[in-house]
Amino acid sequence: MKLNINSKTAQLYRWFYGTSRMPESLCPYFWKLVLMWTFILPYSILSLPAIIMERLDRSKFHSTGERAGLGFIAWFILGILICMVSWVGLLFVEPVKDTLYYHSIVIGGMGWTLSIGIGIATLYNYLTKLWKNRNIKYDEDGRRIWNPEPKQDSIIVTFIKASYNKYCPRIDWDHKK
């Protein structure tokens, strides 16, 4: 099976596992991908502070465990700070119904909801446009190529066929972009 080393899945695999080596066999690669896609969302939320630190300081990259640990510590400290600020705010102001403060909280919540809704709709439209145009290829003159190269089976289909026939295909990593 021939896979691109620069594909988004391969890049995400290297980032998630903190490695530069890619497996040579489809079986461990497939199961590690399944595990990665299962835990990518909670892991990303947990390690968000460490991911932001990595983006700001590009010279140092952390392993998966270091990212999760740093993220847990940062979220814990942030949670404590939010609790402290909330209690201090409640010492000074108590939201009373039918006051300006109460109405400003309600209007601010509706404003944030509307802004987030508009942002999500705009993002959805942008991603839909990108999705529709994802496989369109153009030549050097800007003309569309109507018969691109034939597609190969997906990783899942190849893995199921290999499991049925009781073998594990070798992966040939394509290093071109």
C-alpha atoms as a PDB file:
ATOM      1  CA  MET A   1       0.000   0.000   0.000  1.00  0.00           C
ATOM      2  CA  LYS A   2       1.348   3.425  -0.915  1.00  0.00           C
ATOM      3  CA  LEU A   3       0.612   6.330   1.488  1.00  0.00           C
ATOM      4  CA  ASN A   4       1.757   9.949   1.452  1.00  0.00           C
ATOM      5  CA  ILE A   5       4.064  10.892   4.320  1.00  0.00           C
ATOM      6  CA  ASN A   6       2.833  14.510   4.111  1.00  0.00           C
ATOM      7  CA  SER A   7      -0.887  13.706   4.336  1.00  0.00           C
ATOM      8  CA  LYS A   8      -2.887  15.328   7.138  1.00  0.00           C
ATOM      9  CA  THR A   9      -3.460  11.963   8.822  1.00  0.00           C
ATOM     10  CA  ALA A  10       0.260  11.129   8.785  1.00  0.00           C
ATOM     11  CA  GLN A  11       1.156  14.586  10.120  1.00  0.00           C
ATOM     12  CA  LEU A  12      -1.472  14.265  12.852  1.00  0.00           C
ATOM     13  CA  TYR A  13      -0.157  10.770  13.660  1.00  0.00           C
ATOM     14  CA  ARG A  14       3.398  12.120  14.087  1.00  0.00           C
ATOM     15  CA  TRP A  15       2.150  15.030  16.208  1.00  0.00           C
ATOM     16  CA  PHE A  16      -0.151  12.919  18.420  1.00  0.00           C
ATOM     17  CA  TYR A  17       2.469  10.277  19.169  1.00  0.00           C
ATOM     18  CA  GLY A  18       5.388  12.753  19.227  1.00  0.00           C
ATOM     19  CA  THR A  19       7.475  10.732  16.792  1.00  0.00           C
ATOM     20  CA  SER A  20       9.080  11.180  13.407  1.00  0.00           C
ATOM     21  CA  ARG A  21       9.183   7.450  12.558  1.00  0.00           C
ATOM     22  CA  MET A  22       6.279   5.982  10.684  1.00  0.00           C
ATOM     23  CA  PRO A  23       5.341   2.283  10.875  1.00  0.00           C
ATOM     24  CA  GLU A  24       6.209   0.039   7.954  1.00  0.00           C
ATOM     25  CA  SER A  25       3.171  -2.217   8.346  1.00  0.00           C
ATOM     26  CA  LEU A  26      -0.515  -1.321   8.022  1.00  0.00           C
ATOM     27  CA  CYS A  27      -1.754  -3.313  11.047  1.00  0.00           C
ATOM     28  CA  PRO A  28      -0.083  -1.293  13.849  1.00  0.00           C
ATOM     29  CA  TYR A  29      -0.581   1.932  11.895  1.00  0.00           C
ATOM     30  CA  PHE A  30      -4.309   1.238  11.506  1.00  0.00           C
ATOM     31  CA  TRP A  31      -4.907   0.445  15.187  1.00  0.00           C
ATOM     32  CA  LYS A  32      -2.857   3.424  16.328  1.00  0.00           C
ATOM     33  CA  LEU A  33      -4.937   5.622  13.995  1.00  0.00           C
ATOM     34  CA  VAL A  34      -8.142   4.209  15.508  1.00  0.00           C
ATOM     35  CA  LEU A  35      -6.825   4.939  19.009  1.00  0.00           C
ATOM     36  CA  MET A  36      -5.672   8.417  17.953  1.00  0.00           C
ATOM     37  CA  TRP A  37      -9.016   9.366  16.366  1.00  0.00           C
ATOM     38  CA  THR A  38     -10.853   8.048  19.442  1.00  0.00           C
ATOM     39  CA  PHE A  39      -8.922  10.200  21.905  1.00  0.00           C
ATOM     40  CA  ILE A  40      -7.910  13.222  19.793  1.00  0.00           C
ATOM     41  CA  LEU A  41     -10.696  15.541  21.007  1.00  0.00           C
ATOM     42  CA  PRO A  42     -10.323  15.000  24.780  1.00  0.00           C
ATOM     43  CA  TYR A  43      -6.544  14.962  24.410  1.00  0.00           C
ATOM     44  CA  SER A  44      -6.568  18.236  22.454  1.00  0.00           C
ATOM     45  CA  ILE A  45      -8.806  19.933  25.019  1.00  0.00           C
ATOM     46  CA  LEU A  46      -6.652  18.677  27.891  1.00  0.00           C
ATOM     47  CA  SER A  47      -3.384  19.704  26.241  1.00  0.00           C
ATOM     48  CA  LEU A  48      -4.573  22.991  24.716  1.00  0.00           C
ATOM     49  CA  PRO A  49      -2.316  25.163  26.940  1.00  0.00           C
ATOM     50  CA  ALA A  50       0.727  23.020  26.056  1.00  0.00           C
ATOM     51  CA  ILE A  51      -0.197  23.148  22.363  1.00  0.00           C
ATOM     52  CA  ILE A  52      -0.373  26.948  22.532  1.00  0.00           C
ATOM     53  CA  MET A  53       3.022  27.018  24.267  1.00  0.00           C
ATOM     54  CA  GLU A  54       4.475  24.797  21.517  1.00  0.00           C
ATOM     55  CA  ARG A  55       3.111  27.103  18.820  1.00  0.00           C
ATOM     56  CA  LEU A  56       4.603  30.174  20.503  1.00  0.00           C
ATOM     57  CA  ASP A  57       7.995  28.510  21.161  1.00  0.00           C
ATOM     58  CA  ARG A  58       8.666  26.468  18.028  1.00  0.00           C
ATOM     59  CA  SER A  59      12.090  25.348  19.242  1.00  0.00           C
ATOM     60  CA  LYS A  60      10.733  22.767  21.730  1.00  0.00           C
ATOM     61  CA  PHE A  61       8.250  19.971  21.104  1.00  0.00           C
ATOM     62  CA  HIS A  62       6.800  17.847  23.898  1.00  0.00           C
ATOM     63  CA  SER A  63       5.805  14.220  23.912  1.00  0.00           C
ATOM     64  CA  THR A  64       2.185  13.125  24.269  1.00  0.00           C
ATOM     65  CA  GLY A  65       2.429  12.612  28.035  1.00  0.00           C
ATOM     66  CA  GLU A  66       4.228  15.894  28.633  1.00  0.00           C
ATOM     67  CA  ARG A  67       1.552  17.769  26.664  1.00  0.00           C
ATOM     68  CA  ALA A  68      -1.242  16.105  28.666  1.00  0.00           C
ATOM     69  CA  GLY A  69       0.498  16.778  31.991  1.00  0.00           C
ATOM     70  CA  LEU A  70       1.254  20.413  31.222  1.00  0.00           C
ATOM     71  CA  GLY A  71      -2.292  20.896  29.951  1.00  0.00           C
ATOM     72  CA  PHE A  72      -3.814  19.353  33.094  1.00  0.00           C
ATOM     73  CA  ILE A  73      -1.731  21.612  35.357  1.00  0.00           C
ATOM     74  CA  ALA A  74      -2.605  24.729  33.321  1.00  0.00           C
ATOM     75  CA  TRP A  75      -6.357  23.909  33.281  1.00  0.00           C
ATOM     76  CA  PHE A  76      -6.277  23.214  37.023  1.00  0.00           C
ATOM     77  CA  ILE A  77      -4.630  26.577  37.747  1.00  0.00           C
ATOM     78  CA  LEU A  78      -7.076  28.340  35.390  1.00  0.00           C
ATOM     79  CA  GLY A  79     -10.042  26.672  37.130  1.00  0.00           C
ATOM     80  CA  ILE A  80      -8.803  27.797  40.544  1.00  0.00           C
ATOM     81  CA  LEU A  81      -8.338  31.374  39.283  1.00  0.00           C
ATOM     82  CA  ILE A  82     -11.855  31.435  37.814  1.00  0.00           C
ATOM     83  CA  CYS A  83     -13.318  30.158  41.099  1.00  0.00           C
ATOM     84  CA  MET A  84     -11.420  32.825  43.043  1.00  0.00           C
ATOM     85  CA  VAL A  85     -12.550  35.639  40.737  1.00  0.00           C
ATOM     86  CA  SER A  86     -16.168  34.419  40.831  1.00  0.00           C
ATOM     87  CA  TRP A  87     -16.268  34.422  44.621  1.00  0.00           C
ATOM     88  CA  VAL A  88     -14.677  37.861  44.803  1.00  0.00           C
ATOM     89  CA  GLY A  89     -17.260  39.175  42.315  1.00  0.00           C
ATOM     90  CA  LEU A  90     -20.104  37.731  44.358  1.00  0.00           C
ATOM     91  CA  LEU A  91     -18.813  39.591  47.433  1.00  0.00           C
ATOM     92  CA  PHE A  92     -19.391  42.925  45.694  1.00  0.00           C
ATOM     93  CA  VAL A  93     -22.320  42.444  43.315  1.00  0.00           C
ATOM     94  CA  GLU A  94     -25.328  40.193  43.611  1.00  0.00           C
ATOM     95  CA  PRO A  95     -27.359  39.893  40.409  1.00  0.00           C
ATOM     96  CA  VAL A  96     -30.877  41.054  41.238  1.00  0.00           C
ATOM     97  CA  LYS A  97     -33.774  40.517  38.867  1.00  0.00           C
ATOM     98  CA  ASP A  98     -34.968  43.530  36.826  1.00  0.00           C
ATOM     99  CA  THR A  99     -31.776  45.548  37.280  1.00  0.00           C
ATOM    100  CA  LEU A 100     -29.418  46.943  34.669  1.00  0.00           C
ATOM    101  CA  TYR A 101     -26.711  44.455  35.705  1.00  0.00           C
ATOM    102  CA  TYR A 102     -29.114  41.529  35.316  1.00  0.00           C
ATOM    103  CA  HIS A 103     -30.336  42.730  31.899  1.00  0.00           C
ATOM    104  CA  SER A 104     -26.769  43.382  30.723  1.00  0.00           C
ATOM    105  CA  ILE A 105     -25.892  39.775  31.646  1.00  0.00           C
ATOM    106  CA  VAL A 106     -28.882  38.482  29.643  1.00  0.00           C
ATOM    107  CA  ILE A 107     -28.205  40.742  26.628  1.00  0.00           C
ATOM    108  CA  GLY A 108     -24.481  39.927  26.734  1.00  0.00           C
ATOM    109  CA  GLY A 109     -25.289  36.210  26.738  1.00  0.00           C
ATOM    110  CA  MET A 110     -27.593  36.614  23.753  1.00  0.00           C
ATOM    111  CA  GLY A 111     -24.941  38.703  21.987  1.00  0.00           C
ATOM    112  CA  TRP A 112     -22.282  36.035  22.552  1.00  0.00           C
ATOM    113  CA  THR A 113     -24.698  33.332  21.404  1.00  0.00           C
ATOM    114  CA  LEU A 114     -25.494  35.289  18.238  1.00  0.00           C
ATOM    115  CA  SER A 115     -21.812  36.027  17.549  1.00  0.00           C
ATOM    116  CA  ILE A 116     -20.807  32.400  18.055  1.00  0.00           C
ATOM    117  CA  GLY A 117     -23.730  31.260  15.858  1.00  0.00           C
ATOM    118  CA  ILE A 118     -22.693  33.616  13.047  1.00  0.00           C
ATOM    119  CA  GLY A 119     -19.081  32.469  13.423  1.00  0.00           C
ATOM    120  CA  ILE A 120     -20.070  28.796  13.256  1.00  0.00           C
ATOM    121  CA  ALA A 121     -22.275  29.422  10.197  1.00  0.00           C
ATOM    122  CA  THR A 122     -19.465  31.300   8.450  1.00  0.00           C
ATOM    123  CA  LEU A 123     -16.977  28.554   9.317  1.00  0.00           C
ATOM    124  CA  TYR A 124     -19.428  25.890   8.082  1.00  0.00           C
ATOM    125  CA  ASN A 125     -19.860  27.692   4.744  1.00  0.00           C
ATOM    126  CA  TYR A 126     -16.100  28.104   4.346  1.00  0.00           C
ATOM    127  CA  LEU A 127     -15.380  24.438   5.181  1.00  0.00           C
ATOM    128  CA  THR A 128     -18.194  23.281   2.869  1.00  0.00           C
ATOM    129  CA  LYS A 129     -16.655  25.261   0.021  1.00  0.00           C
ATOM    130  CA  LEU A 130     -13.223  23.774   0.767  1.00  0.00           C
ATOM    131  CA  TRP A 131     -14.711  20.258   0.964  1.00  0.00           C
ATOM    132  CA  LYS A 132     -16.423  20.564  -2.414  1.00  0.00           C
ATOM    133  CA  ASN A 133     -13.204  21.735  -4.087  1.00  0.00           C
ATOM    134  CA  ARG A 134     -10.797  19.373  -2.296  1.00  0.00           C
ATOM    135  CA  ASN A 135     -10.019  17.017  -5.183  1.00  0.00           C
ATOM    136  CA  ILE A 136     -10.080  19.459  -8.097  1.00  0.00           C
ATOM    137  CA  LYS A 137      -6.700  19.549  -9.849  1.00  0.00           C
ATOM    138  CA  TYR A 138      -5.443  22.274 -12.194  1.00  0.00           C
ATOM    139  CA  ASP A 139      -2.617  22.314 -14.736  1.00  0.00           C
ATOM    140  CA  GLU A 140       0.078  25.003 -15.001  1.00  0.00           C
ATOM    141  CA  ASP A 141      -2.209  27.213 -17.159  1.00  0.00           C
ATOM    142  CA  GLY A 142      -4.986  27.188 -14.567  1.00  0.00           C
ATOM    143  CA  ARG A 143      -7.271  24.829 -16.495  1.00  0.00           C
ATOM    144  CA  ARG A 144      -9.086  22.098 -14.607  1.00  0.00           C
ATOM    145  CA  ILE A 145      -7.881  18.500 -15.072  1.00  0.00           C
ATOM    146  CA  TRP A 146     -10.989  16.370 -15.504  1.00  0.00           C
ATOM    147  CA  ASN A 147      -9.433  12.891 -15.301  1.00  0.00           C
ATOM    148  CA  PRO A 148      -7.103  12.863 -12.291  1.00  0.00           C
ATOM    149  CA  GLU A 149      -5.107   9.803 -11.303  1.00  0.00           C
ATOM    150  CA  PRO A 150      -7.155   6.803 -10.134  1.00  0.00           C
ATOM    151  CA  LYS A 151      -7.957   6.501  -6.451  1.00  0.00           C
ATOM    152  CA  GLN A 152      -6.694   3.679  -4.284  1.00  0.00           C
ATOM    153  CA  ASP A 153      -8.725   2.014  -1.564  1.00  0.00           C
ATOM    154  CA  SER A 154      -8.929   3.765   1.795  1.00  0.00           C
ATOM    155  CA  ILE A 155      -6.942   2.572   4.792  1.00  0.00           C
ATOM    156  CA  ILE A 156     -10.066   1.023   6.350  1.00  0.00           C
ATOM    157  CA  VAL A 157     -11.014  -0.954   3.217  1.00  0.00           C
ATOM    158  CA  THR A 158      -7.423  -2.152   2.760  1.00  0.00           C
ATOM    159  CA  PHE A 159      -7.216  -3.194   6.423  1.00  0.00           C
ATOM    160  CA  ILE A 160     -10.519  -5.117   6.246  1.00  0.00           C
ATOM    161  CA  LYS A 161      -9.403  -6.939   3.073  1.00  0.00           C
ATOM    162  CA  ALA A 162      -6.046  -7.765   4.649  1.00  0.00           C
ATOM    163  CA  SER A 163      -7.671  -8.997   7.877  1.00  0.00           C
ATOM    164  CA  TYR A 164     -10.037 -11.206   5.913  1.00  0.00           C
ATOM    165  CA  ASN A 165      -7.129 -12.709   3.969  1.00  0.00           C
ATOM    166  CA  LYS A 166      -4.998 -12.925   7.144  1.00  0.00           C
ATOM    167  CA  TYR A 167      -2.031 -10.833   6.085  1.00  0.00           C
ATOM    168  CA  CYS A 168      -0.726  -7.374   6.916  1.00  0.00           C
ATOM    169  CA  PRO A 169       0.267  -5.185   3.954  1.00  0.00           C
ATOM    170  CA  ARG A 170       3.501  -3.225   3.928  1.00  0.00           C
ATOM    171  CA  ILE A 171       3.281   0.570   3.718  1.00  0.00           C
ATOM    172  CA  ASP A 172       5.376   2.384   1.135  1.00  0.00           C
ATOM    173  CA  TRP A 173       5.604   6.023   2.232  1.00  0.00           C
ATOM    174  CA  ASP A 174       5.508   8.473  -0.679  1.00  0.00           C
ATOM    175  CA  HIS A 175       7.753  11.428   0.192  1.00  0.00           C
ATOM    176  CA  LYS A 176       6.641  13.787  -2.567  1.00  0.00           C
ATOM    177  CA  LYS A 177       4.272  16.611  -1.793  1.00  0.00           C
END
